[in-house]
């Protein structure tokens, strides 16, 4: 089943979360660090390049980063930090693409991830 976790959703999908014993589903072979860019007051927007999509506006709100990619694949970085990953039909993003008017990332997910054949 295709799954896309944004921000806390990516944290919940992660195999491991640094410095906490918080429960996660462990479906995405990554390690994450919560609130890596600071508290909510430090929220920001930036243009990042997402593999197969192009430059998009990323809205970071208390966003995590991926500190270990495991068997997932990095598909976007910001300031040398991994902020988006894909592992088969599971995608995780640190940022909130739903808070912009750009639908290309959603379209990519539906067309590429949602229709991908299982191995």
PDB file of N, CA and C in Angstrom:
ATOM      1  N   UNK A   1       0.835  -1.177   0.000  1.00  0.00           N
ATOM      2  CA  UNK A   1       0.000   0.000   0.000  1.00  0.00           C
ATOM      3  C   UNK A   1       0.884   1.245   0.000  1.00  0.00           C
ATOM      4  N   UNK A   2       0.618   2.210  -0.858  1.00  0.00           N
ATOM      5  CA  UNK A   2       1.371   3.463  -0.848  1.00  0.00           C
ATOM      6  C   UNK A   2       1.086   4.251   0.429  1.00  0.00           C
ATOM      7  N   UNK A   3       2.133   4.788   1.031  1.00  0.00           N
ATOM      8  CA  UNK A   3       1.996   5.590   2.250  1.00  0.00           C
ATOM      9  C   UNK A   3       2.904   6.802   2.117  1.00  0.00           C
ATOM     10  N   UNK A   4       2.400   7.961   2.540  1.00  0.00           N
ATOM     11  CA  UNK A   4       3.199   9.180   2.553  1.00  0.00           C
ATOM     12  C   UNK A   4       3.033   9.825   3.916  1.00  0.00           C
ATOM     13  N   UNK A   5       4.125   9.948   4.627  1.00  0.00           N
ATOM     14  CA  UNK A   5       4.105  10.606   5.927  1.00  0.00           C
ATOM     15  C   UNK A   5       4.811  11.945   5.842  1.00  0.00           C
ATOM     16  N   UNK A   6       4.119  13.015   6.214  1.00  0.00           N
ATOM     17  CA  UNK A   6       4.737  14.338   6.233  1.00  0.00           C
ATOM     18  C   UNK A   6       5.001  14.743   7.674  1.00  0.00           C
ATOM     19  N   UNK A   7       6.187  15.242   7.917  1.00  0.00           N
ATOM     20  CA  UNK A   7       6.604  15.758   9.227  1.00  0.00           C
ATOM     21  C   UNK A   7       6.406  14.690  10.317  1.00  0.00           C
ATOM     22  N   UNK A   8       5.445  14.854  11.195  1.00  0.00           N
ATOM     23  CA  UNK A   8       5.213  13.856  12.251  1.00  0.00           C
ATOM     24  C   UNK A   8       4.845  12.501  11.655  1.00  0.00           C
ATOM     25  N   UNK A   9       4.223  12.527  10.475  1.00  0.00           N
ATOM     26  CA  UNK A   9       3.906  11.272   9.792  1.00  0.00           C
ATOM     27  C   UNK A   9       5.166  10.503   9.425  1.00  0.00           C
ATOM     28  N   UNK A  10       6.209  11.224   8.988  1.00  0.00           N
ATOM     29  CA  UNK A  10       7.479  10.569   8.690  1.00  0.00           C
ATOM     30  C   UNK A  10       8.094  10.014   9.970  1.00  0.00           C
ATOM     31  N   UNK A  11       7.987  10.749  11.049  1.00  0.00           N
ATOM     32  CA  UNK A  11       8.504  10.271  12.336  1.00  0.00           C
ATOM     33  C   UNK A  11       7.790   8.977  12.730  1.00  0.00           C
ATOM     34  N   UNK A  12       6.481   8.945  12.574  1.00  0.00           N
ATOM     35  CA  UNK A  12       5.719   7.746  12.931  1.00  0.00           C
ATOM     36  C   UNK A  12       6.062   6.545  12.042  1.00  0.00           C
ATOM     37  N   UNK A  13       6.478   6.796  10.807  1.00  0.00           N
ATOM     38  CA  UNK A  13       6.847   5.710   9.898  1.00  0.00           C
ATOM     39  C   UNK A  13       8.260   5.196  10.137  1.00  0.00           C
ATOM     40  N   UNK A  14       9.105   5.992  10.790  1.00  0.00           N
ATOM     41  CA  UNK A  14      10.530   5.678  10.939  1.00  0.00           C
ATOM     42  C   UNK A  14      10.788   4.419  11.760  1.00  0.00           C
ATOM     43  N   UNK A  15      11.889   3.754  11.419  1.00  0.00           N
ATOM     44  CA  UNK A  15      12.346   2.589  12.191  1.00  0.00           C
ATOM     45  C   UNK A  15      12.852   3.028  13.553  1.00  0.00           C
ATOM     46  N   UNK A  16      13.531   4.209  13.601  1.00  0.00           N
ATOM     47  CA  UNK A  16      14.108   4.673  14.865  1.00  0.00           C
ATOM     48  C   UNK A  16      13.998   6.198  14.955  1.00  0.00           C
ATOM     49  N   UNK A  17      13.831   6.674  16.193  1.00  0.00           N
ATOM     50  CA  UNK A  17      13.754   8.105  16.478  1.00  0.00           C
ATOM     51  C   UNK A  17      14.822   8.401  17.519  1.00  0.00           C
ATOM     52  N   UNK A  18      15.710   9.334  17.201  1.00  0.00           N
ATOM     53  CA  UNK A  18      16.810   9.650  18.109  1.00  0.00           C
ATOM     54  C   UNK A  18      16.310  10.230  19.429  1.00  0.00           C
ATOM     55  N   UNK A  19      17.014   9.881  20.504  1.00  0.00           N
ATOM     56  CA  UNK A  19      16.846  10.470  21.831  1.00  0.00           C
ATOM     57  C   UNK A  19      15.440  10.373  22.411  1.00  0.00           C
ATOM     58  N   UNK A  20      14.728   9.313  22.055  1.00  0.00           N
ATOM     59  CA  UNK A  20      13.400   9.096  22.631  1.00  0.00           C
ATOM     60  C   UNK A  20      13.021   7.631  22.495  1.00  0.00           C
ATOM     61  N   UNK A  21      12.108   7.210  23.320  1.00  0.00           N
ATOM     62  CA  UNK A  21      11.572   5.856  23.192  1.00  0.00           C
ATOM     63  C   UNK A  21      10.152   5.912  22.626  1.00  0.00           C
ATOM     64  N   UNK A  22       9.851   6.996  21.914  1.00  0.00           N
ATOM     65  CA  UNK A  22       8.537   7.187  21.300  1.00  0.00           C
ATOM     66  C   UNK A  22       8.195   6.015  20.397  1.00  0.00           C
ATOM     67  N   UNK A  23       6.962   5.586  20.433  1.00  0.00           N
ATOM     68  CA  UNK A  23       6.486   4.519  19.563  1.00  0.00           C
ATOM     69  C   UNK A  23       6.504   4.979  18.111  1.00  0.00           C
ATOM     70  N   UNK A  24       6.871   4.079  17.215  1.00  0.00           N
ATOM     71  CA  UNK A  24       6.747   4.333  15.778  1.00  0.00           C
ATOM     72  C   UNK A  24       6.336   3.037  15.098  1.00  0.00           C
ATOM     73  N   UNK A  25       5.880   3.144  13.883  1.00  0.00           N
ATOM     74  CA  UNK A  25       5.429   1.972  13.137  1.00  0.00           C
ATOM     75  C   UNK A  25       6.577   1.157  12.563  1.00  0.00           C
ATOM     76  N   UNK A  26       7.749   1.786  12.369  1.00  0.00           N
ATOM     77  CA  UNK A  26       8.916   1.075  11.858  1.00  0.00           C
ATOM     78  C   UNK A  26       8.782   0.601  10.422  1.00  0.00           C
ATOM     79  N   UNK A  27       7.951   1.257   9.633  1.00  0.00           N
ATOM     80  CA  UNK A  27       7.735   0.837   8.247  1.00  0.00           C
ATOM     81  C   UNK A  27       8.762   1.396   7.265  1.00  0.00           C
ATOM     82  N   UNK A  28       9.446   2.453   7.653  1.00  0.00           N
ATOM     83  CA  UNK A  28      10.405   3.124   6.791  1.00  0.00           C
ATOM     84  C   UNK A  28      11.782   2.987   7.434  1.00  0.00           C
ATOM     85  N   UNK A  29      12.724   2.378   6.722  1.00  0.00           N
ATOM     86  CA  UNK A  29      14.041   2.080   7.287  1.00  0.00           C
ATOM     87  C   UNK A  29      14.912   3.335   7.341  1.00  0.00           C
ATOM     88  N   UNK A  30      14.542   4.231   8.275  1.00  0.00           N
ATOM     89  CA  UNK A  30      15.283   5.471   8.497  1.00  0.00           C
ATOM     90  C   UNK A  30      15.355   5.749   9.991  1.00  0.00           C
ATOM     91  N   UNK A  31      16.305   6.594  10.365  1.00  0.00           N
ATOM     92  CA  UNK A  31      16.375   7.146  11.711  1.00  0.00           C
ATOM     93  C   UNK A  31      16.145   8.645  11.572  1.00  0.00           C
ATOM     94  N   UNK A  32      15.324   9.205  12.445  1.00  0.00           N
ATOM     95  CA  UNK A  32      15.013  10.629  12.371  1.00  0.00           C
ATOM     96  C   UNK A  32      15.350  11.337  13.684  1.00  0.00           C
ATOM     97  N   UNK A  33      15.554  12.649  13.566  1.00  0.00           N
ATOM     98  CA  UNK A  33      15.717  13.513  14.738  1.00  0.00           C
ATOM     99  C   UNK A  33      14.585  14.531  14.703  1.00  0.00           C
ATOM    100  N   UNK A  34      13.780  14.522  15.744  1.00  0.00           N
ATOM    101  CA  UNK A  34      12.646  15.438  15.831  1.00  0.00           C
ATOM    102  C   UNK A  34      13.111  16.880  16.005  1.00  0.00           C
ATOM    103  N   UNK A  35      12.296  17.824  15.529  1.00  0.00           N
ATOM    104  CA  UNK A  35      12.521  19.263  15.720  1.00  0.00           C
ATOM    105  C   UNK A  35      13.950  19.686  15.380  1.00  0.00           C
ATOM    106  N   UNK A  36      14.494  19.143  14.328  1.00  0.00           N
ATOM    107  CA  UNK A  36      15.903  19.366  13.986  1.00  0.00           C
ATOM    108  C   UNK A  36      16.221  20.811  13.616  1.00  0.00           C
ATOM    109  N   UNK A  37      15.234  21.550  13.160  1.00  0.00           N
ATOM    110  CA  UNK A  37      15.459  22.945  12.788  1.00  0.00           C
ATOM    111  C   UNK A  37      14.991  23.915  13.864  1.00  0.00           C
ATOM    112  N   UNK A  38      14.583  23.406  15.003  1.00  0.00           N
ATOM    113  CA  UNK A  38      14.162  24.266  16.099  1.00  0.00           C
ATOM    114  C   UNK A  38      12.676  24.172  16.393  1.00  0.00           C
ATOM    115  N   UNK A  39      12.254  25.011  17.299  1.00  0.00           N
ATOM    116  CA  UNK A  39      10.870  25.033  17.749  1.00  0.00           C
ATOM    117  C   UNK A  39       9.962  25.681  16.702  1.00  0.00           C
ATOM    118  N   UNK A  40       8.670  25.718  16.966  1.00  0.00           N
ATOM    119  CA  UNK A  40       7.707  26.240  16.002  1.00  0.00           C
ATOM    120  C   UNK A  40       8.011  27.677  15.584  1.00  0.00           C
ATOM    121  N   UNK A  41       8.535  28.472  16.484  1.00  0.00           N
ATOM    122  CA  UNK A  41       8.878  29.858  16.162  1.00  0.00           C
ATOM    123  C   UNK A  41       9.953  29.939  15.080  1.00  0.00           C
ATOM    124  N   UNK A  42      10.693  28.854  14.883  1.00  0.00           N
ATOM    125  CA  UNK A  42      11.748  28.810  13.873  1.00  0.00           C
ATOM    126  C   UNK A  42      11.260  28.225  12.540  1.00  0.00           C
ATOM    127  N   UNK A  43       9.962  28.075  12.367  1.00  0.00           N
ATOM    128  CA  UNK A  43       9.405  27.556  11.116  1.00  0.00           C
ATOM    129  C   UNK A  43       9.813  28.450   9.944  1.00  0.00           C
ATOM    130  N   UNK A  44       9.949  27.855   8.759  1.00  0.00           N
ATOM    131  CA  UNK A  44      10.392  28.619   7.599  1.00  0.00           C
ATOM    132  C   UNK A  44       9.992  27.915   6.311  1.00  0.00           C
ATOM    133  N   UNK A  45      10.126  28.632   5.210  1.00  0.00           N
ATOM    134  CA  UNK A  45       9.924  28.089   3.873  1.00  0.00           C
ATOM    135  C   UNK A  45      11.230  28.201   3.098  1.00  0.00           C
ATOM    136  N   UNK A  46      11.447  27.246   2.204  1.00  0.00           N
ATOM    137  CA  UNK A  46      12.620  27.295   1.344  1.00  0.00           C
ATOM    138  C   UNK A  46      12.322  26.538   0.056  1.00  0.00           C
ATOM    139  N   UNK A  47      13.027  26.883  -0.995  1.00  0.00           N
ATOM    140  CA  UNK A  47      12.933  26.134  -2.240  1.00  0.00           C
ATOM    141  C   UNK A  47      13.935  24.988  -2.161  1.00  0.00           C
ATOM    142  N   UNK A  48      13.456  23.762  -2.392  1.00  0.00           N
ATOM    143  CA  UNK A  48      14.338  22.600  -2.427  1.00  0.00           C
ATOM    144  C   UNK A  48      14.067  21.825  -3.704  1.00  0.00           C
ATOM    145  N   UNK A  49      15.020  21.017  -4.098  1.00  0.00           N
ATOM    146  CA  UNK A  49      14.855  20.190  -5.283  1.00  0.00           C
ATOM    147  C   UNK A  49      14.504  18.773  -4.863  1.00  0.00           C
ATOM    148  N   UNK A  50      13.366  18.284  -5.338  1.00  0.00           N
ATOM    149  CA  UNK A  50      12.924  16.920  -5.060  1.00  0.00           C
ATOM    150  C   UNK A  50      13.144  16.092  -6.321  1.00  0.00           C
ATOM    151  N   UNK A  51      13.856  14.986  -6.172  1.00  0.00           N
ATOM    152  CA  UNK A  51      14.150  14.096  -7.294  1.00  0.00           C
ATOM    153  C   UNK A  51      12.875  13.766  -8.062  1.00  0.00           C
ATOM    154  N   UNK A  52      12.941  13.825  -9.375  1.00  0.00           N
ATOM    155  CA  UNK A  52      11.831  13.505 -10.288  1.00  0.00           C
ATOM    156  C   UNK A  52      10.676  14.502 -10.247  1.00  0.00           C
ATOM    157  N   UNK A  53      10.781  15.552  -9.425  1.00  0.00           N
ATOM    158  CA  UNK A  53       9.714  16.557  -9.342  1.00  0.00           C
ATOM    159  C   UNK A  53      10.245  17.930  -9.730  1.00  0.00           C
ATOM    160  N   UNK A  54      11.408  18.300  -9.200  1.00  0.00           N
ATOM    161  CA  UNK A  54      11.998  19.603  -9.462  1.00  0.00           C
ATOM    162  C   UNK A  54      11.975  20.476  -8.228  1.00  0.00           C
ATOM    163  N   UNK A  55      12.136  21.764  -8.429  1.00  0.00           N
ATOM    164  CA  UNK A  55      12.157  22.715  -7.317  1.00  0.00           C
ATOM    165  C   UNK A  55      10.748  22.948  -6.786  1.00  0.00           C
ATOM    166  N   UNK A  56      10.603  22.794  -5.480  1.00  0.00           N
ATOM    167  CA  UNK A  56       9.314  23.011  -4.817  1.00  0.00           C
ATOM    168  C   UNK A  56       9.531  23.876  -3.582  1.00  0.00           C
ATOM    169  N   UNK A  57       8.476  24.554  -3.176  1.00  0.00           N
ATOM    170  CA  UNK A  57       8.520  25.295  -1.922  1.00  0.00           C
ATOM    171  C   UNK A  57       8.234  24.315  -0.797  1.00  0.00           C
ATOM    172  N   UNK A  58       9.151  24.251   0.153  1.00  0.00           N
ATOM    173  CA  UNK A  58       8.999  23.351   1.298  1.00  0.00           C
ATOM    174  C   UNK A  58       8.718  24.188   2.538  1.00  0.00           C
ATOM    175  N   UNK A  59       7.646  23.852   3.236  1.00  0.00           N
ATOM    176  CA  UNK A  59       7.267  24.539   4.467  1.00  0.00           C
ATOM    177  C   UNK A  59       7.695  23.645   5.635  1.00  0.00           C
ATOM    178  N   UNK A  60       8.653  24.128   6.420  1.00  0.00           N
ATOM    179  CA  UNK A  60       9.203  23.372   7.544  1.00  0.00           C
ATOM    180  C   UNK A  60       8.629  23.924   8.846  1.00  0.00           C
ATOM    181  N   UNK A  61       7.910  23.087   9.583  1.00  0.00           N
ATOM    182  CA  UNK A  61       7.319  23.469  10.869  1.00  0.00           C
ATOM    183  C   UNK A  61       7.762  22.442  11.899  1.00  0.00           C
ATOM    184  N   UNK A  62       8.687  22.837  12.797  1.00  0.00           N
ATOM    185  CA  UNK A  62       9.245  21.900  13.786  1.00  0.00           C
ATOM    186  C   UNK A  62       9.667  20.602  13.106  1.00  0.00           C
ATOM    187  N   UNK A  63      10.319  20.735  11.993  1.00  0.00           N
ATOM    188  CA  UNK A  63      10.579  19.614  11.091  1.00  0.00           C
ATOM    189  C   UNK A  63      11.687  18.690  11.571  1.00  0.00           C
ATOM    190  N   UNK A  64      11.505  17.391  11.318  1.00  0.00           N
ATOM    191  CA  UNK A  64      12.576  16.433  11.578  1.00  0.00           C
ATOM    192  C   UNK A  64      13.549  16.379  10.410  1.00  0.00           C
ATOM    193  N   UNK A  65      14.693  15.752  10.634  1.00  0.00           N
ATOM    194  CA  UNK A  65      15.605  15.396   9.551  1.00  0.00           C
ATOM    195  C   UNK A  65      15.868  13.902   9.642  1.00  0.00           C
ATOM    196  N   UNK A  66      16.319  13.344   8.542  1.00  0.00           N
ATOM    197  CA  UNK A  66      16.703  11.934   8.497  1.00  0.00           C
ATOM    198  C   UNK A  66      18.195  11.873   8.773  1.00  0.00           C
ATOM    199  N   UNK A  67      18.574  11.202   9.853  1.00  0.00           N
ATOM    200  CA  UNK A  67      19.987  11.102  10.217  1.00  0.00           C
ATOM    201  C   UNK A  67      20.632   9.811   9.731  1.00  0.00           C
ATOM    202  N   UNK A  68      19.803   8.822   9.385  1.00  0.00           N
ATOM    203  CA  UNK A  68      20.295   7.578   8.806  1.00  0.00           C
ATOM    204  C   UNK A  68      19.266   7.112   7.794  1.00  0.00           C
ATOM    205  N   UNK A  69      19.699   6.978   6.544  1.00  0.00           N
ATOM    206  CA  UNK A  69      18.783   6.647   5.460  1.00  0.00           C
ATOM    207  C   UNK A  69      18.459   5.156   5.406  1.00  0.00           C
ATOM    208  N   UNK A  70      19.277   4.303   5.983  1.00  0.00           N
ATOM    209  CA  UNK A  70      19.011   2.864   5.958  1.00  0.00           C
ATOM    210  C   UNK A  70      18.843   2.373   4.531  1.00  0.00           C
ATOM    211  N   UNK A  71      17.808   1.576   4.287  1.00  0.00           N
ATOM    212  CA  UNK A  71      17.573   1.060   2.929  1.00  0.00           C
ATOM    213  C   UNK A  71      16.646   1.953   2.119  1.00  0.00           C
ATOM    214  N   UNK A  72      16.240   3.073   2.683  1.00  0.00           N
ATOM    215  CA  UNK A  72      15.469   4.066   1.920  1.00  0.00           C
ATOM    216  C   UNK A  72      16.431   4.837   1.021  1.00  0.00           C
ATOM    217  N   UNK A  73      15.887   5.727   0.194  1.00  0.00           N
ATOM    218  CA  UNK A  73      16.699   6.537  -0.705  1.00  0.00           C
ATOM    219  C   UNK A  73      16.363   8.006  -0.484  1.00  0.00           C
ATOM    220  N   UNK A  74      17.372   8.823  -0.317  1.00  0.00           N
ATOM    221  CA  UNK A  74      17.157  10.261  -0.187  1.00  0.00           C
ATOM    222  C   UNK A  74      16.643  10.814  -1.514  1.00  0.00           C
ATOM    223  N   UNK A  75      15.564  11.589  -1.463  1.00  0.00           N
ATOM    224  CA  UNK A  75      15.054  12.215  -2.686  1.00  0.00           C
ATOM    225  C   UNK A  75      15.077  13.742  -2.582  1.00  0.00           C
ATOM    226  N   UNK A  76      15.439  14.287  -1.406  1.00  0.00           N
ATOM    227  CA  UNK A  76      15.585  15.739  -1.270  1.00  0.00           C
ATOM    228  C   UNK A  76      16.396  16.058  -0.022  1.00  0.00           C
ATOM    229  N   UNK A  77      17.178  17.143  -0.145  1.00  0.00           N
ATOM    230  CA  UNK A  77      17.951  17.631   0.998  1.00  0.00           C
ATOM    231  C   UNK A  77      17.741  19.139   1.140  1.00  0.00           C
ATOM    232  N   UNK A  78      17.998  19.619   2.332  1.00  0.00           N
ATOM    233  CA  UNK A  78      18.035  21.049   2.606  1.00  0.00           C
ATOM    234  C   UNK A  78      19.242  21.286   3.502  1.00  0.00           C
ATOM    235  N   UNK A  79      20.119  22.189   3.104  1.00  0.00           N
ATOM    236  CA  UNK A  79      21.298  22.517   3.903  1.00  0.00           C
ATOM    237  C   UNK A  79      22.080  21.250   4.278  1.00  0.00           C
ATOM    238  N   UNK A  80      22.240  20.367   3.300  1.00  0.00           N
ATOM    239  CA  UNK A  80      22.965  19.094   3.440  1.00  0.00           C
ATOM    240  C   UNK A  80      22.281  18.083   4.363  1.00  0.00           C
ATOM    241  N   UNK A  81      21.055  18.340   4.763  1.00  0.00           N
ATOM    242  CA  UNK A  81      20.298  17.413   5.611  1.00  0.00           C
ATOM    243  C   UNK A  81      19.226  16.716   4.767  1.00  0.00           C
ATOM    244  N   UNK A  82      19.047  15.423   4.960  1.00  0.00           N
ATOM    245  CA  UNK A  82      18.024  14.681   4.223  1.00  0.00           C
ATOM    246  C   UNK A  82      16.650  15.042   4.789  1.00  0.00           C
ATOM    247  N   UNK A  83      15.769  15.526   3.889  1.00  0.00           N
ATOM    248  CA  UNK A  83      14.435  15.954   4.313  1.00  0.00           C
ATOM    249  C   UNK A  83      13.310  15.235   3.574  1.00  0.00           C
ATOM    250  N   UNK A  84      13.662  14.326   2.657  1.00  0.00           N
ATOM    251  CA  UNK A  84      12.657  13.513   1.982  1.00  0.00           C
ATOM    252  C   UNK A  84      13.293  12.203   1.554  1.00  0.00           C
ATOM    253  N   UNK A  85      12.553  11.113   1.744  1.00  0.00           N
ATOM    254  CA  UNK A  85      13.047   9.782   1.405  1.00  0.00           C
ATOM    255  C   UNK A  85      11.943   8.969   0.742  1.00  0.00           C
ATOM    256  N   UNK A  86      12.397   7.942   0.039  1.00  0.00           N
ATOM    257  CA  UNK A  86      11.464   6.982  -0.541  1.00  0.00           C
ATOM    258  C   UNK A  86      12.033   5.587  -0.347  1.00  0.00           C
ATOM    259  N   UNK A  87      11.171   4.681   0.040  1.00  0.00           N
ATOM    260  CA  UNK A  87      11.512   3.262   0.144  1.00  0.00           C
ATOM    261  C   UNK A  87      10.353   2.495  -0.461  1.00  0.00           C
ATOM    262  N   UNK A  88      10.538   2.015  -1.674  1.00  0.00           N
ATOM    263  CA  UNK A  88       9.481   1.327  -2.409  1.00  0.00           C
ATOM    264  C   UNK A  88       8.251   2.235  -2.512  1.00  0.00           C
ATOM    265  N   UNK A  89       7.161   1.864  -1.875  1.00  0.00           N
ATOM    266  CA  UNK A  89       5.907   2.616  -1.962  1.00  0.00           C
ATOM    267  C   UNK A  89       5.660   3.496  -0.740  1.00  0.00           C
ATOM    268  N   UNK A  90       6.699   3.738   0.032  1.00  0.00           N
ATOM    269  CA  UNK A  90       6.573   4.586   1.214  1.00  0.00           C
ATOM    270  C   UNK A  90       7.446   5.821   1.032  1.00  0.00           C
ATOM    271  N   UNK A  91       6.861   6.989   1.269  1.00  0.00           N
ATOM    272  CA  UNK A  91       7.563   8.262   1.137  1.00  0.00           C
ATOM    273  C   UNK A  91       7.451   8.996   2.465  1.00  0.00           C
ATOM    274  N   UNK A  92       8.536   9.653   2.844  1.00  0.00           N
ATOM    275  CA  UNK A  92       8.518  10.496   4.035  1.00  0.00           C
ATOM    276  C   UNK A  92       9.089  11.860   3.699  1.00  0.00           C
ATOM    277  N   UNK A  93       8.416  12.923   4.130  1.00  0.00           N
ATOM    278  CA  UNK A  93       8.922  14.279   3.929  1.00  0.00           C
ATOM    279  C   UNK A  93       8.916  15.025   5.255  1.00  0.00           C
ATOM    280  N   UNK A  94       9.972  15.788   5.492  1.00  0.00           N
ATOM    281  CA  UNK A  94      10.078  16.604   6.699  1.00  0.00           C
ATOM    282  C   UNK A  94       9.181  17.829   6.623  1.00  0.00           C
ATOM    283  N   UNK A  95       8.856  18.209   5.426  1.00  0.00           N
ATOM    284  CA  UNK A  95       8.143  19.457   5.174  1.00  0.00           C
ATOM    285  C   UNK A  95       6.688  19.182   4.796  1.00  0.00           C
ATOM    286  N   UNK A  96       5.923  20.256   4.674  1.00  0.00           N
ATOM    287  CA  UNK A  96       4.478  20.183   4.423  1.00  0.00           C
ATOM    288  C   UNK A  96       4.126  20.703   3.032  1.00  0.00           C
ATOM    289  N   UNK A  97       4.147  19.857   2.003  1.00  0.00           N
ATOM    290  CA  UNK A  97       3.789  20.336   0.662  1.00  0.00           C
ATOM    291  C   UNK A  97       2.311  20.686   0.537  1.00  0.00           C
ATOM    292  N   UNK A  98       1.500  20.178   1.431  1.00  0.00           N
ATOM    293  CA  UNK A  98       0.063  20.468   1.377  1.00  0.00           C
ATOM    294  C   UNK A  98      -0.245  21.918   1.751  1.00  0.00           C
ATOM    295  N   UNK A  99       0.744  22.648   2.276  1.00  0.00           N
ATOM    296  CA  UNK A  99       0.544  24.042   2.659  1.00  0.00           C
ATOM    297  C   UNK A  99       0.913  25.027   1.554  1.00  0.00           C
ATOM    298  N   UNK A 100       1.148  24.499   0.352  1.00  0.00           N
ATOM    299  CA  UNK A 100       1.432  25.357  -0.804  1.00  0.00           C
ATOM    300  C   UNK A 100       0.389  25.075  -1.879  1.00  0.00           C
ATOM    301  N   UNK A 101       0.363  25.895  -2.911  1.00  0.00           N
ATOM    302  CA  UNK A 101      -0.578  25.682  -4.017  1.00  0.00           C
ATOM    303  C   UNK A 101      -0.005  24.746  -5.081  1.00  0.00           C
ATOM    304  N   UNK A 102       1.257  24.398  -4.968  1.00  0.00           N
ATOM    305  CA  UNK A 102       1.931  23.526  -5.929  1.00  0.00           C
ATOM    306  C   UNK A 102       1.517  22.077  -5.672  1.00  0.00           C
ATOM    307  N   UNK A 103       0.920  21.446  -6.663  1.00  0.00           N
ATOM    308  CA  UNK A 103       0.442  20.065  -6.495  1.00  0.00           C
ATOM    309  C   UNK A 103       1.352  19.026  -7.142  1.00  0.00           C
ATOM    310  N   UNK A 104       2.502  19.452  -7.684  1.00  0.00           N
ATOM    311  CA  UNK A 104       3.363  18.511  -8.409  1.00  0.00           C
ATOM    312  C   UNK A 104       3.846  17.348  -7.552  1.00  0.00           C
ATOM    313  N   UNK A 105       4.163  17.582  -6.299  1.00  0.00           N
ATOM    314  CA  UNK A 105       4.640  16.491  -5.440  1.00  0.00           C
ATOM    315  C   UNK A 105       3.508  15.495  -5.169  1.00  0.00           C
ATOM    316  N   UNK A 106       2.309  16.005  -4.986  1.00  0.00           N
ATOM    317  CA  UNK A 106       1.155  15.118  -4.798  1.00  0.00           C
ATOM    318  C   UNK A 106       0.874  14.308  -6.065  1.00  0.00           C
ATOM    319  N   UNK A 107       0.977  14.974  -7.208  1.00  0.00           N
ATOM    320  CA  UNK A 107       0.773  14.274  -8.475  1.00  0.00           C
ATOM    321  C   UNK A 107       1.829  13.196  -8.675  1.00  0.00           C
ATOM    322  N   UNK A 108       3.095  13.515  -8.342  1.00  0.00           N
ATOM    323  CA  UNK A 108       4.174  12.524  -8.434  1.00  0.00           C
ATOM    324  C   UNK A 108       3.860  11.319  -7.554  1.00  0.00           C
ATOM    325  N   UNK A 109       3.420  11.576  -6.333  1.00  0.00           N
ATOM    326  CA  UNK A 109       3.103  10.477  -5.422  1.00  0.00           C
ATOM    327  C   UNK A 109       2.013   9.583  -6.010  1.00  0.00           C
ATOM    328  N   UNK A 110       0.966  10.173  -6.507  1.00  0.00           N
ATOM    329  CA  UNK A 110      -0.138   9.390  -7.083  1.00  0.00           C
ATOM    330  C   UNK A 110       0.331   8.609  -8.301  1.00  0.00           C
ATOM    331  N   UNK A 111       1.051   9.283  -9.194  1.00  0.00           N
ATOM    332  CA  UNK A 111       1.449   8.642 -10.465  1.00  0.00           C
ATOM    333  C   UNK A 111       2.596   7.655 -10.321  1.00  0.00           C
ATOM    334  N   UNK A 112       3.606   7.995  -9.540  1.00  0.00           N
ATOM    335  CA  UNK A 112       4.804   7.162  -9.463  1.00  0.00           C
ATOM    336  C   UNK A 112       4.766   6.165  -8.310  1.00  0.00           C
ATOM    337  N   UNK A 113       4.388   6.620  -7.152  1.00  0.00           N
ATOM    338  CA  UNK A 113       4.385   5.746  -5.977  1.00  0.00           C
ATOM    339  C   UNK A 113       3.086   4.966  -5.896  1.00  0.00           C
ATOM    340  N   UNK A 114       1.985   5.660  -6.095  1.00  0.00           N
ATOM    341  CA  UNK A 114       0.678   5.016  -5.983  1.00  0.00           C
ATOM    342  C   UNK A 114       0.448   3.930  -7.012  1.00  0.00           C
ATOM    343  N   UNK A 115       1.038   4.089  -8.189  1.00  0.00           N
ATOM    344  CA  UNK A 115       0.835   3.095  -9.241  1.00  0.00           C
ATOM    345  C   UNK A 115       1.978   2.097  -9.356  1.00  0.00           C
ATOM    346  N   UNK A 116       3.013   2.227  -8.519  1.00  0.00           N
ATOM    347  CA  UNK A 116       4.183   1.335  -8.587  1.00  0.00           C
ATOM    348  C   UNK A 116       3.768  -0.112  -8.304  1.00  0.00           C
ATOM    349  N   UNK A 117       4.358  -1.011  -9.072  1.00  0.00           N
ATOM    350  CA  UNK A 117       4.095  -2.441  -8.858  1.00  0.00           C
ATOM    351  C   UNK A 117       4.893  -2.943  -7.674  1.00  0.00           C
ATOM    352  N   UNK A 118       4.319  -3.820  -6.917  1.00  0.00           N
ATOM    353  CA  UNK A 118       5.053  -4.441  -5.822  1.00  0.00           C
ATOM    354  C   UNK A 118       6.146  -5.346  -6.384  1.00  0.00           C
ATOM    355  N   UNK A 119       7.298  -5.389  -5.634  1.00  0.00           N
ATOM    356  CA  UNK A 119       8.456  -6.173  -6.052  1.00  0.00           C
ATOM    357  C   UNK A 119       8.132  -7.583  -6.277  1.00  0.00           C
TER     358      UNK A 119
END
